[in-house]
Amino acid sequence: MLDLKPGQLVRSLAGRDKGKHYLVLQALDNKYVLLVDGRRRPVDRPKKKNKAHLQHYERKAEFEEPFDPDRVTDNQVIESLKRLAPISGDSEEEV
């Protein structure tokens, strides 16, 4: 199973949110993570998603270390996604 870290960029491969980019807020266990995008999924209402339904990227948001999910704001998430997520229309290769 994927070893996803908080702040890491991922893209949904399945479900109604297919193709949408998120940041990992927290790993719950070996199977599930909590995801945020700062808008539809703000930090106070993260999405629980199966790791098997995610494409991961080696890109990671640059927040204060150690990463503290309680101190991250929606604006920080939005700005990080703008910097990290591939631009729509580009060919997205798996990393």
Protein backbone atom coordinates (compact mmCIF):
# COMPACT_ATOMS: atom_id res chain seq x y z
CA MET A 1 0.00 0.00 0.00
CA LEU A 2 1.12 3.57 -0.63
CA ASP A 3 2.96 5.38 2.15
CA LEU A 4 1.35 8.83 1.90
CA LYS A 5 2.66 11.65 4.05
CA PRO A 6 0.78 14.73 5.30
CA GLY A 7 1.07 17.60 2.82
CA GLN A 8 1.63 15.27 -0.16
CA LEU A 9 -0.18 15.95 -3.44
CA VAL A 10 -2.56 13.23 -4.69
CA ARG A 11 -5.18 12.87 -7.43
CA SER A 12 -8.38 10.88 -7.14
CA LEU A 13 -8.62 7.95 -9.56
CA ALA A 14 -12.13 6.78 -8.63
CA GLY A 15 -15.44 8.13 -7.45
CA ARG A 16 -17.36 11.33 -8.12
CA ASP A 17 -14.21 13.32 -7.49
CA LYS A 18 -12.17 11.46 -10.13
CA GLY A 19 -9.35 13.65 -11.48
CA LYS A 20 -9.47 16.12 -8.58
CA HIS A 21 -6.28 17.06 -6.73
CA TYR A 22 -6.00 17.08 -2.95
CA LEU A 23 -3.41 17.37 -0.22
CA VAL A 24 -3.10 14.59 2.33
CA LEU A 25 -4.08 15.98 5.72
CA GLN A 26 -3.57 12.83 7.75
CA ALA A 27 -3.03 9.08 7.33
CA LEU A 28 -5.67 7.20 9.30
CA ASP A 29 -4.31 3.67 8.89
CA ASN A 30 -2.79 1.45 6.20
CA LYS A 31 -5.87 1.83 3.99
CA TYR A 32 -7.37 5.32 4.44
CA VAL A 33 -6.25 8.96 4.45
CA LEU A 34 -7.96 12.29 5.04
CA LEU A 35 -7.79 14.71 2.08
CA VAL A 36 -8.39 18.47 1.77
CA ASP A 37 -8.59 20.96 -1.08
CA GLY A 38 -9.44 24.10 0.92
CA ARG A 39 -12.75 24.68 -0.88
CA ARG A 40 -15.22 21.81 -1.20
CA ARG A 41 -13.18 19.88 1.35
CA PRO A 42 -11.91 22.38 3.92
CA VAL A 43 -9.55 21.46 6.73
CA ASP A 44 -12.41 21.19 9.22
CA ARG A 45 -14.31 18.72 6.95
CA PRO A 46 -11.74 16.47 5.22
CA LYS A 47 -12.62 13.65 2.82
CA LYS A 48 -11.86 10.07 3.84
CA LYS A 49 -10.47 8.19 0.84
CA ASN A 50 -9.05 4.73 0.20
CA LYS A 51 -5.34 4.93 -0.74
CA ALA A 52 -5.94 2.43 -3.55
CA HIS A 53 -8.08 5.07 -5.31
CA LEU A 54 -5.32 7.69 -5.36
CA GLN A 55 -2.44 8.58 -7.65
CA HIS A 56 0.39 10.03 -5.62
CA TYR A 57 2.97 12.60 -6.65
CA GLU A 58 6.37 13.17 -5.09
CA ARG A 59 5.43 16.84 -4.65
CA LYS A 60 4.70 18.03 -1.13
CA ALA A 61 3.33 21.28 0.31
CA GLU A 62 5.88 23.32 2.18
CA PHE A 63 4.40 24.00 5.59
CA GLU A 64 6.17 24.40 8.90
CA GLU A 65 7.86 21.19 10.00
CA PRO A 66 6.71 19.06 11.65
CA PHE A 67 3.43 19.12 9.74
CA ASP A 68 0.56 19.88 12.13
CA PRO A 69 -2.93 19.35 10.62
CA ASP A 70 -4.45 21.51 13.37
CA ARG A 71 -2.47 24.58 12.25
CA VAL A 72 -3.05 24.36 8.48
CA THR A 73 -5.52 26.85 7.01
CA ASP A 74 -7.73 26.50 3.95
CA ASN A 75 -5.89 29.40 2.29
CA GLN A 76 -2.55 27.61 2.71
CA VAL A 77 -4.06 24.47 1.14
CA ILE A 78 -5.49 26.42 -1.82
CA GLU A 79 -2.19 28.20 -2.50
CA SER A 80 -0.22 24.95 -2.22
CA LEU A 81 -2.55 23.18 -4.67
CA LYS A 82 -2.14 26.04 -7.16
CA ARG A 83 1.65 25.64 -6.99
CA LEU A 84 1.81 21.85 -6.92
CA ALA A 85 -1.04 20.51 -9.08
CA PRO A 86 -0.42 19.97 -12.79
CA ILE A 87 -2.25 22.40 -15.04
CA SER A 88 -5.41 20.96 -16.60
CA GLY A 89 -4.93 19.84 -20.18
CA ASP A 90 -1.33 18.74 -19.69
CA SER A 91 -0.61 15.07 -19.96
CA GLU A 92 -0.36 13.76 -16.43
CA GLU A 93 2.10 10.94 -16.15
CA GLU A 94 2.24 8.70 -13.12
CA VAL A 95 5.04 9.46 -10.76
